[in-house]
């Protein structure tokens, strides 16, 4: 094989590796690390599986203004020596054509506390920065609307819409399936 063909083959292999790496996206945290982010290393974390009724699904979809993909939803409940630290949900959705996974944490009273990106498979320039997520914290479910008190991100409109939609969904599920049940 001549040098030109070898060089071309190496170039094609390198190009293939770069494309594959870009297609894989970025995974920042696994489940264990995510739950430590939510509640700390010393917390006791209980998984709470919710099996939503048709009536609950209808209420949640109306409140969140988005469709639920499943009637099964999991919350994680963090406690430290019996004291409730809060709730967390791991929410995956498609942004444009590829998935994003968020850790959405709520305070013990059900307020939106923090959002962490666990995995993002779209191009990195479409990922909302941490400071953008901060404008969502402590807002009511009805206040989580882009361009109505929440600034969008130029060039990443779909990412910001998807994140706000996920936050609304988690807050609505908490309100209907956990808070109303406890009241």
C-alpha atoms as a PDB file:
ATOM      1  CA  UNK A   1       0.000   0.000   0.000  1.00  0.00           C
ATOM      2  CA  UNK A   2       1.427   3.400  -0.897  1.00  0.00           C
ATOM      3  CA  UNK A   3       1.895   6.284   1.543  1.00  0.00           C
ATOM      4  CA  UNK A   4      -1.021   8.307   0.134  1.00  0.00           C
ATOM      5  CA  UNK A   5      -3.484   5.453   0.709  1.00  0.00           C
ATOM      6  CA  UNK A   6      -2.154   4.847   4.245  1.00  0.00           C
ATOM      7  CA  UNK A   7      -2.457   8.541   5.090  1.00  0.00           C
ATOM      8  CA  UNK A   8      -5.970   8.628   3.686  1.00  0.00           C
ATOM      9  CA  UNK A   9      -6.950   5.536   5.704  1.00  0.00           C
ATOM     10  CA  UNK A  10      -5.557   7.066   8.937  1.00  0.00           C
ATOM     11  CA  UNK A  11      -7.404  10.314   8.225  1.00  0.00           C
ATOM     12  CA  UNK A  12     -10.685   8.442   7.669  1.00  0.00           C
ATOM     13  CA  UNK A  13     -10.227   6.476  10.909  1.00  0.00           C
ATOM     14  CA  UNK A  14      -9.512   9.675  12.874  1.00  0.00           C
ATOM     15  CA  UNK A  15     -12.539  11.354  11.321  1.00  0.00           C
ATOM     16  CA  UNK A  16     -14.687   8.344  12.265  1.00  0.00           C
ATOM     17  CA  UNK A  17     -13.427   8.473  15.865  1.00  0.00           C
ATOM     18  CA  UNK A  18     -14.186  12.203  16.107  1.00  0.00           C
ATOM     19  CA  UNK A  19     -17.705  11.697  14.739  1.00  0.00           C
ATOM     20  CA  UNK A  20     -18.294   8.818  17.172  1.00  0.00           C
ATOM     21  CA  UNK A  21     -17.059  10.871  20.134  1.00  0.00           C
ATOM     22  CA  UNK A  22     -19.324  13.769  19.165  1.00  0.00           C
ATOM     23  CA  UNK A  23     -22.309  11.434  18.744  1.00  0.00           C
ATOM     24  CA  UNK A  24     -21.793  10.017  22.226  1.00  0.00           C
ATOM     25  CA  UNK A  25     -22.339  13.367  23.931  1.00  0.00           C
ATOM     26  CA  UNK A  26     -21.255  14.032  27.472  1.00  0.00           C
ATOM     27  CA  UNK A  27     -22.258  12.150  30.587  1.00  0.00           C
ATOM     28  CA  UNK A  28     -21.393  14.187  33.670  1.00  0.00           C
ATOM     29  CA  UNK A  29     -22.781  12.118  36.543  1.00  0.00           C
ATOM     30  CA  UNK A  30     -24.082   8.619  37.169  1.00  0.00           C
ATOM     31  CA  UNK A  31     -27.099   7.919  39.384  1.00  0.00           C
ATOM     32  CA  UNK A  32     -25.069   7.539  42.601  1.00  0.00           C
ATOM     33  CA  UNK A  33     -23.210  10.820  42.060  1.00  0.00           C
ATOM     34  CA  UNK A  34     -26.455  12.548  41.095  1.00  0.00           C
ATOM     35  CA  UNK A  35     -28.162  11.536  44.342  1.00  0.00           C
ATOM     36  CA  UNK A  36     -25.107  12.720  46.296  1.00  0.00           C
ATOM     37  CA  UNK A  37     -25.438  16.078  44.500  1.00  0.00           C
ATOM     38  CA  UNK A  38     -29.072  16.219  45.542  1.00  0.00           C
ATOM     39  CA  UNK A  39     -28.788  15.213  49.184  1.00  0.00           C
ATOM     40  CA  UNK A  40     -25.130  14.854  50.189  1.00  0.00           C
ATOM     41  CA  UNK A  41     -23.028  11.742  50.812  1.00  0.00           C
ATOM     42  CA  UNK A  42     -24.417  10.955  54.270  1.00  0.00           C
ATOM     43  CA  UNK A  43     -28.114  11.065  53.355  1.00  0.00           C
ATOM     44  CA  UNK A  44     -30.379   8.054  53.302  1.00  0.00           C
ATOM     45  CA  UNK A  45     -32.143   7.962  49.949  1.00  0.00           C
ATOM     46  CA  UNK A  46     -35.407   6.123  49.416  1.00  0.00           C
ATOM     47  CA  UNK A  47     -36.810   5.450  45.962  1.00  0.00           C
ATOM     48  CA  UNK A  48     -40.511   6.283  45.737  1.00  0.00           C
ATOM     49  CA  UNK A  49     -42.184   4.780  42.675  1.00  0.00           C
ATOM     50  CA  UNK A  50     -45.430   6.442  41.692  1.00  0.00           C
ATOM     51  CA  UNK A  51     -48.063   4.630  39.641  1.00  0.00           C
ATOM     52  CA  UNK A  52     -50.213   7.457  38.334  1.00  0.00           C
ATOM     53  CA  UNK A  53     -53.914   7.054  37.681  1.00  0.00           C
ATOM     54  CA  UNK A  54     -55.591   8.360  34.518  1.00  0.00           C
ATOM     55  CA  UNK A  55     -57.059  11.189  36.593  1.00  0.00           C
ATOM     56  CA  UNK A  56     -53.633  12.137  37.981  1.00  0.00           C
ATOM     57  CA  UNK A  57     -52.071  12.021  34.505  1.00  0.00           C
ATOM     58  CA  UNK A  58     -54.751  14.381  33.159  1.00  0.00           C
ATOM     59  CA  UNK A  59     -54.206  16.858  36.035  1.00  0.00           C
ATOM     60  CA  UNK A  60     -50.409  16.693  35.703  1.00  0.00           C
ATOM     61  CA  UNK A  61     -50.484  17.221  31.941  1.00  0.00           C
ATOM     62  CA  UNK A  62     -52.804  20.194  32.368  1.00  0.00           C
ATOM     63  CA  UNK A  63     -50.618  21.784  35.080  1.00  0.00           C
ATOM     64  CA  UNK A  64     -47.312  21.063  33.344  1.00  0.00           C
ATOM     65  CA  UNK A  65     -48.595  21.831  29.842  1.00  0.00           C
ATOM     66  CA  UNK A  66     -46.748  18.792  28.531  1.00  0.00           C
ATOM     67  CA  UNK A  67     -47.458  15.126  27.864  1.00  0.00           C
ATOM     68  CA  UNK A  68     -46.280  12.369  30.164  1.00  0.00           C
ATOM     69  CA  UNK A  69     -44.549   9.489  28.422  1.00  0.00           C
ATOM     70  CA  UNK A  70     -45.445   7.040  31.181  1.00  0.00           C
ATOM     71  CA  UNK A  71     -47.758   6.546  34.161  1.00  0.00           C
ATOM     72  CA  UNK A  72     -44.758   5.339  36.162  1.00  0.00           C
ATOM     73  CA  UNK A  73     -42.533   7.991  37.722  1.00  0.00           C
ATOM     74  CA  UNK A  74     -39.787   7.786  40.325  1.00  0.00           C
ATOM     75  CA  UNK A  75     -38.921  10.317  42.988  1.00  0.00           C
ATOM     76  CA  UNK A  76     -35.978   9.967  45.331  1.00  0.00           C
ATOM     77  CA  UNK A  77     -36.571  11.104  48.899  1.00  0.00           C
ATOM     78  CA  UNK A  78     -33.531  12.230  50.873  1.00  0.00           C
ATOM     79  CA  UNK A  79     -33.375  12.109  54.666  1.00  0.00           C
ATOM     80  CA  UNK A  80     -30.706  12.766  57.253  1.00  0.00           C
ATOM     81  CA  UNK A  81     -31.376  11.115  60.608  1.00  0.00           C
ATOM     82  CA  UNK A  82     -35.076  11.053  59.808  1.00  0.00           C
ATOM     83  CA  UNK A  83     -35.235  14.728  58.780  1.00  0.00           C
ATOM     84  CA  UNK A  84     -36.626  15.257  55.258  1.00  0.00           C
ATOM     85  CA  UNK A  85     -34.000  16.915  53.050  1.00  0.00           C
ATOM     86  CA  UNK A  86     -36.103  17.064  49.893  1.00  0.00           C
ATOM     87  CA  UNK A  87     -37.033  15.246  46.728  1.00  0.00           C
ATOM     88  CA  UNK A  88     -35.218  14.555  43.480  1.00  0.00           C
ATOM     89  CA  UNK A  89     -36.214  13.278  40.070  1.00  0.00           C
ATOM     90  CA  UNK A  90     -34.065  12.179  37.161  1.00  0.00           C
ATOM     91  CA  UNK A  91     -35.771  13.401  34.027  1.00  0.00           C
ATOM     92  CA  UNK A  92     -34.707  12.411  30.492  1.00  0.00           C
ATOM     93  CA  UNK A  93     -36.112  13.939  27.333  1.00  0.00           C
ATOM     94  CA  UNK A  94     -35.168  14.697  23.743  1.00  0.00           C
ATOM     95  CA  UNK A  95     -34.009  18.255  23.149  1.00  0.00           C
ATOM     96  CA  UNK A  96     -33.745  18.527  19.389  1.00  0.00           C
ATOM     97  CA  UNK A  97     -32.865  15.059  18.164  1.00  0.00           C
ATOM     98  CA  UNK A  98     -30.739  13.746  21.033  1.00  0.00           C
ATOM     99  CA  UNK A  99     -31.325  13.138  24.738  1.00  0.00           C
ATOM    100  CA  UNK A 100     -30.618  15.224  27.798  1.00  0.00           C
ATOM    101  CA  UNK A 101     -30.906  13.991  31.383  1.00  0.00           C
ATOM    102  CA  UNK A 102     -31.495  16.389  34.257  1.00  0.00           C
ATOM    103  CA  UNK A 103     -31.493  15.976  38.013  1.00  0.00           C
ATOM    104  CA  UNK A 104     -34.290  18.164  39.353  1.00  0.00           C
ATOM    105  CA  UNK A 105     -34.333  18.660  43.113  1.00  0.00           C
ATOM    106  CA  UNK A 106     -37.144  20.033  45.250  1.00  0.00           C
ATOM    107  CA  UNK A 107     -37.075  21.392  48.787  1.00  0.00           C
ATOM    108  CA  UNK A 108     -38.981  19.535  51.537  1.00  0.00           C
ATOM    109  CA  UNK A 109     -41.928  21.865  50.809  1.00  0.00           C
ATOM    110  CA  UNK A 110     -41.833  21.106  47.071  1.00  0.00           C
ATOM    111  CA  UNK A 111     -40.134  24.226  45.708  1.00  0.00           C
ATOM    112  CA  UNK A 112     -37.748  23.914  42.769  1.00  0.00           C
ATOM    113  CA  UNK A 113     -34.314  23.935  44.395  1.00  0.00           C
ATOM    114  CA  UNK A 114     -31.694  22.967  41.805  1.00  0.00           C
ATOM    115  CA  UNK A 115     -31.231  21.492  38.358  1.00  0.00           C
ATOM    116  CA  UNK A 116     -28.077  19.666  37.305  1.00  0.00           C
ATOM    117  CA  UNK A 117     -27.306  18.367  33.836  1.00  0.00           C
ATOM    118  CA  UNK A 118     -26.427  14.682  34.192  1.00  0.00           C
ATOM    119  CA  UNK A 119     -25.982  13.978  30.477  1.00  0.00           C
ATOM    120  CA  UNK A 120     -26.213  16.081  27.336  1.00  0.00           C
ATOM    121  CA  UNK A 121     -25.928  14.571  23.854  1.00  0.00           C
ATOM    122  CA  UNK A 122     -26.678  17.610  21.707  1.00  0.00           C
ATOM    123  CA  UNK A 123     -23.785  19.868  20.623  1.00  0.00           C
ATOM    124  CA  UNK A 124     -22.241  21.533  23.713  1.00  0.00           C
ATOM    125  CA  UNK A 125     -23.135  25.054  22.555  1.00  0.00           C
ATOM    126  CA  UNK A 126     -26.827  24.158  22.984  1.00  0.00           C
ATOM    127  CA  UNK A 127     -26.437  23.266  26.668  1.00  0.00           C
ATOM    128  CA  UNK A 128     -27.843  25.833  29.110  1.00  0.00           C
ATOM    129  CA  UNK A 129     -25.243  27.060  31.616  1.00  0.00           C
ATOM    130  CA  UNK A 130     -25.737  26.691  35.391  1.00  0.00           C
ATOM    131  CA  UNK A 131     -26.516  30.409  35.762  1.00  0.00           C
ATOM    132  CA  UNK A 132     -29.447  30.015  33.343  1.00  0.00           C
ATOM    133  CA  UNK A 133     -30.985  27.253  35.486  1.00  0.00           C
ATOM    134  CA  UNK A 134     -30.721  29.533  38.559  1.00  0.00           C
ATOM    135  CA  UNK A 135     -33.504  31.777  37.218  1.00  0.00           C
ATOM    136  CA  UNK A 136     -35.910  28.827  37.511  1.00  0.00           C
ATOM    137  CA  UNK A 137     -35.290  28.167  41.216  1.00  0.00           C
ATOM    138  CA  UNK A 138     -37.997  28.927  43.792  1.00  0.00           C
ATOM    139  CA  UNK A 139     -40.533  29.819  41.112  1.00  0.00           C
ATOM    140  CA  UNK A 140     -44.072  28.556  41.147  1.00  0.00           C
ATOM    141  CA  UNK A 141     -45.143  26.033  38.535  1.00  0.00           C
ATOM    142  CA  UNK A 142     -47.226  28.666  36.714  1.00  0.00           C
ATOM    143  CA  UNK A 143     -44.177  30.968  36.486  1.00  0.00           C
ATOM    144  CA  UNK A 144     -41.978  28.536  34.545  1.00  0.00           C
ATOM    145  CA  UNK A 145     -42.561  29.983  31.088  1.00  0.00           C
ATOM    146  CA  UNK A 146     -39.927  31.212  28.688  1.00  0.00           C
ATOM    147  CA  UNK A 147     -40.193  34.893  27.850  1.00  0.00           C
ATOM    148  CA  UNK A 148     -42.533  35.472  30.809  1.00  0.00           C
ATOM    149  CA  UNK A 149     -39.952  36.252  33.459  1.00  0.00           C
ATOM    150  CA  UNK A 150     -37.512  33.572  32.297  1.00  0.00           C
ATOM    151  CA  UNK A 151     -34.981  34.582  29.686  1.00  0.00           C
ATOM    152  CA  UNK A 152     -34.360  32.179  26.844  1.00  0.00           C
ATOM    153  CA  UNK A 153     -30.940  31.362  25.469  1.00  0.00           C
ATOM    154  CA  UNK A 154     -30.047  32.649  22.016  1.00  0.00           C
ATOM    155  CA  UNK A 155     -29.116  29.672  19.883  1.00  0.00           C
ATOM    156  CA  UNK A 156     -30.380  27.184  22.478  1.00  0.00           C
ATOM    157  CA  UNK A 157     -34.109  27.846  22.534  1.00  0.00           C
ATOM    158  CA  UNK A 158     -35.040  24.168  22.316  1.00  0.00           C
ATOM    159  CA  UNK A 159     -32.729  23.300  25.231  1.00  0.00           C
ATOM    160  CA  UNK A 160     -34.188  26.002  27.462  1.00  0.00           C
ATOM    161  CA  UNK A 161     -37.752  25.019  26.529  1.00  0.00           C
ATOM    162  CA  UNK A 162     -37.036  21.346  27.260  1.00  0.00           C
ATOM    163  CA  UNK A 163     -35.491  22.163  30.656  1.00  0.00           C
ATOM    164  CA  UNK A 164     -38.398  24.409  31.681  1.00  0.00           C
ATOM    165  CA  UNK A 165     -40.868  21.749  30.527  1.00  0.00           C
ATOM    166  CA  UNK A 166     -39.096  19.083  32.607  1.00  0.00           C
ATOM    167  CA  UNK A 167     -39.120  21.335  35.667  1.00  0.00           C
ATOM    168  CA  UNK A 168     -42.870  21.960  35.221  1.00  0.00           C
ATOM    169  CA  UNK A 169     -43.475  18.217  34.840  1.00  0.00           C
ATOM    170  CA  UNK A 170     -41.585  17.324  38.043  1.00  0.00           C
ATOM    171  CA  UNK A 171     -43.319  20.095  40.005  1.00  0.00           C
ATOM    172  CA  UNK A 172     -46.748  19.003  38.704  1.00  0.00           C
ATOM    173  CA  UNK A 173     -46.113  15.341  39.566  1.00  0.00           C
ATOM    174  CA  UNK A 174     -44.974  16.355  43.052  1.00  0.00           C
ATOM    175  CA  UNK A 175     -48.060  18.534  43.529  1.00  0.00           C
ATOM    176  CA  UNK A 176     -50.582  15.922  42.339  1.00  0.00           C
ATOM    177  CA  UNK A 177     -49.023  12.624  43.424  1.00  0.00           C
ATOM    178  CA  UNK A 178     -47.122  13.527  46.607  1.00  0.00           C
ATOM    179  CA  UNK A 179     -48.368  16.799  48.105  1.00  0.00           C
ATOM    180  CA  UNK A 180     -52.100  16.217  47.524  1.00  0.00           C
ATOM    181  CA  UNK A 181     -51.743  12.667  48.846  1.00  0.00           C
ATOM    182  CA  UNK A 182     -50.094  13.957  52.059  1.00  0.00           C
ATOM    183  CA  UNK A 183     -52.676  16.731  52.616  1.00  0.00           C
END
